[in-house]
Amino acid sequence: MLSYIPGGEFILNNRIKEVRLGTKLNQEAFGKRLKITKASISRLESGINHPSDQTISLICSEFNIDEHWLRTGEGSPNRKLTP
């Protein structure tokens, strides 16, 4: 079950996990795409560690995720493609 903060928004670590589960990748495969370890993914998803700006940018570019959504939970998770 995903955790919520007041106001009903997912917290960042759960949005990262949501992205990973949406790709149907395990933590190891997700980490390889981002060039970080499975242990790092586990710590990010559990909320032990917070992602760096670089990690957030990498998740967004690698998986076509909207950065504003990933950081705040507002809007759509999928980045809009420009023609």
N, C-alpha and C. Protein backbone atom coordinates (compact mmCIF):
# COMPACT_ATOMS: atom_id res chain seq x y z
N MET A 1 0.84 -1.18 0.00
CA MET A 1 0.00 0.00 0.00
C MET A 1 0.89 1.24 0.00
N LEU A 2 0.53 2.23 -0.81
CA LEU A 2 1.31 3.44 -0.91
C LEU A 2 0.93 4.41 0.20
N SER A 3 1.92 5.13 0.70
CA SER A 3 1.69 6.11 1.76
C SER A 3 1.21 7.43 1.18
N TYR A 4 0.43 8.14 1.97
CA TYR A 4 -0.05 9.44 1.56
C TYR A 4 0.34 10.49 2.59
N ILE A 5 0.47 11.72 2.14
CA ILE A 5 0.65 12.84 3.05
C ILE A 5 -0.66 13.61 3.08
N PRO A 6 -0.89 14.44 4.06
CA PRO A 6 -2.13 15.22 4.10
C PRO A 6 -2.39 15.91 2.78
N GLY A 7 -3.63 15.90 2.34
CA GLY A 7 -3.98 16.47 1.05
C GLY A 7 -4.09 15.40 -0.02
N GLY A 8 -3.72 14.17 0.31
CA GLY A 8 -3.90 13.06 -0.60
C GLY A 8 -2.82 12.88 -1.64
N GLU A 9 -1.72 13.63 -1.58
CA GLU A 9 -0.67 13.49 -2.58
C GLU A 9 0.29 12.38 -2.18
N PHE A 10 0.74 11.62 -3.17
CA PHE A 10 1.79 10.63 -2.92
C PHE A 10 3.04 11.36 -2.47
N ILE A 11 3.80 10.75 -1.59
CA ILE A 11 5.10 11.33 -1.27
C ILE A 11 6.10 10.86 -2.33
N LEU A 12 7.17 11.60 -2.49
CA LEU A 12 8.12 11.40 -3.59
C LEU A 12 8.61 9.96 -3.70
N ASN A 13 8.96 9.34 -2.58
CA ASN A 13 9.49 7.98 -2.68
C ASN A 13 8.46 7.03 -3.27
N ASN A 14 7.19 7.24 -3.00
CA ASN A 14 6.17 6.37 -3.56
C ASN A 14 5.92 6.66 -5.04
N ARG A 15 6.12 7.90 -5.46
CA ARG A 15 6.00 8.20 -6.89
C ARG A 15 7.14 7.53 -7.66
N ILE A 16 8.33 7.50 -7.08
CA ILE A 16 9.44 6.79 -7.72
C ILE A 16 9.10 5.31 -7.86
N LYS A 17 8.57 4.72 -6.81
CA LYS A 17 8.17 3.32 -6.86
C LYS A 17 7.06 3.11 -7.89
N GLU A 18 6.13 4.04 -7.96
CA GLU A 18 5.04 3.94 -8.94
C GLU A 18 5.60 3.94 -10.36
N VAL A 19 6.60 4.79 -10.62
CA VAL A 19 7.24 4.81 -11.94
C VAL A 19 7.87 3.45 -12.22
N ARG A 20 8.61 2.93 -11.25
CA ARG A 20 9.27 1.63 -11.45
C ARG A 20 8.26 0.52 -11.71
N LEU A 21 7.23 0.46 -10.90
CA LEU A 21 6.23 -0.59 -11.08
C LEU A 21 5.52 -0.45 -12.42
N GLY A 22 5.31 0.79 -12.85
CA GLY A 22 4.67 1.03 -14.15
C GLY A 22 5.51 0.54 -15.32
N THR A 23 6.82 0.48 -15.12
CA THR A 23 7.72 -0.01 -16.17
C THR A 23 7.88 -1.52 -16.10
N LYS A 24 7.32 -2.13 -15.05
CA LYS A 24 7.42 -3.57 -14.81
C LYS A 24 8.87 -4.03 -14.65
N LEU A 25 9.70 -3.13 -14.11
CA LEU A 25 11.10 -3.47 -13.84
C LEU A 25 11.27 -3.74 -12.36
N ASN A 26 12.16 -4.69 -12.04
CA ASN A 26 12.51 -4.86 -10.64
C ASN A 26 13.50 -3.77 -10.25
N GLN A 27 13.82 -3.69 -8.98
CA GLN A 27 14.72 -2.63 -8.51
C GLN A 27 16.08 -2.69 -9.18
N GLU A 28 16.58 -3.88 -9.42
CA GLU A 28 17.89 -4.01 -10.04
C GLU A 28 17.88 -3.48 -11.48
N ALA A 29 16.89 -3.87 -12.26
CA ALA A 29 16.81 -3.44 -13.66
C ALA A 29 16.54 -1.93 -13.75
N PHE A 30 15.69 -1.42 -12.86
CA PHE A 30 15.40 0.02 -12.83
C PHE A 30 16.68 0.79 -12.51
N GLY A 31 17.42 0.31 -11.52
CA GLY A 31 18.68 0.95 -11.14
C GLY A 31 19.70 0.93 -12.26
N LYS A 32 19.77 -0.18 -13.00
CA LYS A 32 20.72 -0.25 -14.12
C LYS A 32 20.41 0.80 -15.17
N ARG A 33 19.11 1.04 -15.43
CA ARG A 33 18.73 2.07 -16.41
C ARG A 33 19.18 3.45 -15.94
N LEU A 34 19.23 3.64 -14.61
CA LEU A 34 19.62 4.94 -14.05
C LEU A 34 21.09 4.99 -13.64
N LYS A 35 21.77 3.85 -13.81
CA LYS A 35 23.18 3.71 -13.42
C LYS A 35 23.40 3.91 -11.92
N ILE A 36 22.44 3.38 -11.13
CA ILE A 36 22.58 3.34 -9.67
C ILE A 36 22.24 1.94 -9.19
N THR A 37 22.64 1.62 -8.00
CA THR A 37 22.49 0.25 -7.51
C THR A 37 21.06 -0.07 -7.06
N LYS A 38 20.79 -1.38 -6.99
CA LYS A 38 19.52 -1.86 -6.47
C LYS A 38 19.31 -1.35 -5.04
N ALA A 39 20.37 -1.35 -4.25
CA ALA A 39 20.29 -0.87 -2.86
C ALA A 39 19.89 0.61 -2.83
N SER A 40 20.41 1.39 -3.76
CA SER A 40 20.05 2.82 -3.83
C SER A 40 18.57 2.99 -4.17
N ILE A 41 18.08 2.18 -5.10
CA ILE A 41 16.66 2.24 -5.45
C ILE A 41 15.82 1.87 -4.24
N SER A 42 16.21 0.84 -3.53
CA SER A 42 15.49 0.41 -2.34
C SER A 42 15.43 1.53 -1.30
N ARG A 43 16.56 2.19 -1.07
CA ARG A 43 16.60 3.29 -0.10
C ARG A 43 15.76 4.49 -0.55
N LEU A 44 15.73 4.75 -1.86
CA LEU A 44 14.88 5.84 -2.37
C LEU A 44 13.41 5.51 -2.17
N GLU A 45 13.04 4.29 -2.53
CA GLU A 45 11.63 3.89 -2.44
C GLU A 45 11.14 3.79 -0.99
N SER A 46 12.02 3.45 -0.08
CA SER A 46 11.62 3.32 1.32
C SER A 46 11.66 4.67 2.04
N GLY A 47 12.21 5.69 1.40
CA GLY A 47 12.27 7.01 2.00
C GLY A 47 13.48 7.22 2.90
N ILE A 48 14.39 6.25 2.94
CA ILE A 48 15.61 6.38 3.75
C ILE A 48 16.49 7.48 3.16
N ASN A 49 16.64 7.45 1.83
CA ASN A 49 17.41 8.48 1.12
C ASN A 49 16.46 9.29 0.26
N HIS A 50 16.85 10.52 -0.01
CA HIS A 50 16.09 11.38 -0.91
C HIS A 50 16.86 11.50 -2.22
N PRO A 51 16.17 11.49 -3.34
CA PRO A 51 16.88 11.55 -4.63
C PRO A 51 17.51 12.92 -4.86
N SER A 52 18.66 12.90 -5.48
CA SER A 52 19.31 14.16 -5.88
C SER A 52 18.54 14.74 -7.06
N ASP A 53 18.80 16.00 -7.34
CA ASP A 53 18.20 16.63 -8.53
C ASP A 53 18.61 15.86 -9.79
N GLN A 54 19.84 15.39 -9.81
CA GLN A 54 20.33 14.63 -10.96
C GLN A 54 19.55 13.32 -11.13
N THR A 55 19.28 12.62 -10.03
CA THR A 55 18.52 11.37 -10.10
C THR A 55 17.10 11.63 -10.56
N ILE A 56 16.49 12.68 -10.05
CA ILE A 56 15.13 13.04 -10.48
C ILE A 56 15.12 13.33 -11.98
N SER A 57 16.08 14.11 -12.46
CA SER A 57 16.16 14.42 -13.88
C SER A 57 16.36 13.17 -14.72
N LEU A 58 17.18 12.26 -14.23
CA LEU A 58 17.44 11.01 -14.95
C LEU A 58 16.18 10.16 -15.04
N ILE A 59 15.44 10.03 -13.94
CA ILE A 59 14.20 9.27 -13.96
C ILE A 59 13.25 9.85 -14.99
N CYS A 60 13.14 11.18 -14.97
CA CYS A 60 12.22 11.85 -15.89
C CYS A 60 12.62 11.65 -17.35
N SER A 61 13.88 11.79 -17.66
CA SER A 61 14.31 11.65 -19.06
C SER A 61 14.29 10.20 -19.51
N GLU A 62 14.69 9.29 -18.65
CA GLU A 62 14.76 7.86 -19.03
C GLU A 62 13.38 7.25 -19.21
N PHE A 63 12.40 7.69 -18.42
CA PHE A 63 11.08 7.06 -18.44
C PHE A 63 9.96 8.00 -18.90
N ASN A 64 10.34 9.15 -19.48
CA ASN A 64 9.38 10.12 -20.01
C ASN A 64 8.35 10.54 -18.95
N ILE A 65 8.87 10.93 -17.79
CA ILE A 65 8.04 11.34 -16.66
C ILE A 65 8.12 12.85 -16.50
N ASP A 66 6.98 13.46 -16.21
CA ASP A 66 6.94 14.90 -15.97
C ASP A 66 7.59 15.22 -14.62
N GLU A 67 8.60 16.07 -14.64
CA GLU A 67 9.35 16.38 -13.42
C GLU A 67 8.48 17.06 -12.36
N HIS A 68 7.59 17.92 -12.78
CA HIS A 68 6.71 18.59 -11.80
C HIS A 68 5.84 17.54 -11.08
N TRP A 69 5.32 16.57 -11.82
CA TRP A 69 4.52 15.51 -11.19
C TRP A 69 5.38 14.70 -10.22
N LEU A 70 6.59 14.32 -10.65
CA LEU A 70 7.43 13.50 -9.80
C LEU A 70 7.75 14.22 -8.49
N ARG A 71 8.04 15.51 -8.58
CA ARG A 71 8.39 16.27 -7.37
C ARG A 71 7.18 16.59 -6.49
N THR A 72 6.02 16.86 -7.10
CA THR A 72 4.89 17.38 -6.33
C THR A 72 3.66 16.49 -6.31
N GLY A 73 3.53 15.62 -7.27
CA GLY A 73 2.32 14.81 -7.40
C GLY A 73 1.21 15.52 -8.15
N GLU A 74 1.46 16.73 -8.62
CA GLU A 74 0.45 17.52 -9.33
C GLU A 74 0.56 17.29 -10.83
N GLY A 75 -0.59 17.20 -11.48
CA GLY A 75 -0.61 17.04 -12.93
C GLY A 75 -0.53 15.58 -13.34
N SER A 76 -0.09 15.38 -14.56
CA SER A 76 0.00 14.05 -15.15
C SER A 76 1.42 13.51 -15.03
N PRO A 77 1.57 12.21 -14.77
CA PRO A 77 2.92 11.65 -14.66
C PRO A 77 3.68 11.62 -15.99
N ASN A 78 2.95 11.56 -17.10
CA ASN A 78 3.61 11.46 -18.39
C ASN A 78 3.94 12.84 -18.93
N ARG A 79 5.19 12.98 -19.37
CA ARG A 79 5.63 14.24 -19.95
C ARG A 79 4.96 14.43 -21.30
N LYS A 80 4.52 15.65 -21.55
CA LYS A 80 3.90 15.96 -22.84
C LYS A 80 4.98 16.04 -23.90
N LEU A 81 4.72 15.38 -25.00
CA LEU A 81 5.66 15.42 -26.12
C LEU A 81 5.35 16.63 -26.98
N THR A 82 6.39 17.34 -27.37
CA THR A 82 6.19 18.50 -28.24
C THR A 82 6.37 18.06 -29.69
N PRO A 83 5.52 18.58 -30.57
CA PRO A 83 5.61 18.17 -31.99
C PRO A 83 6.88 18.63 -32.65
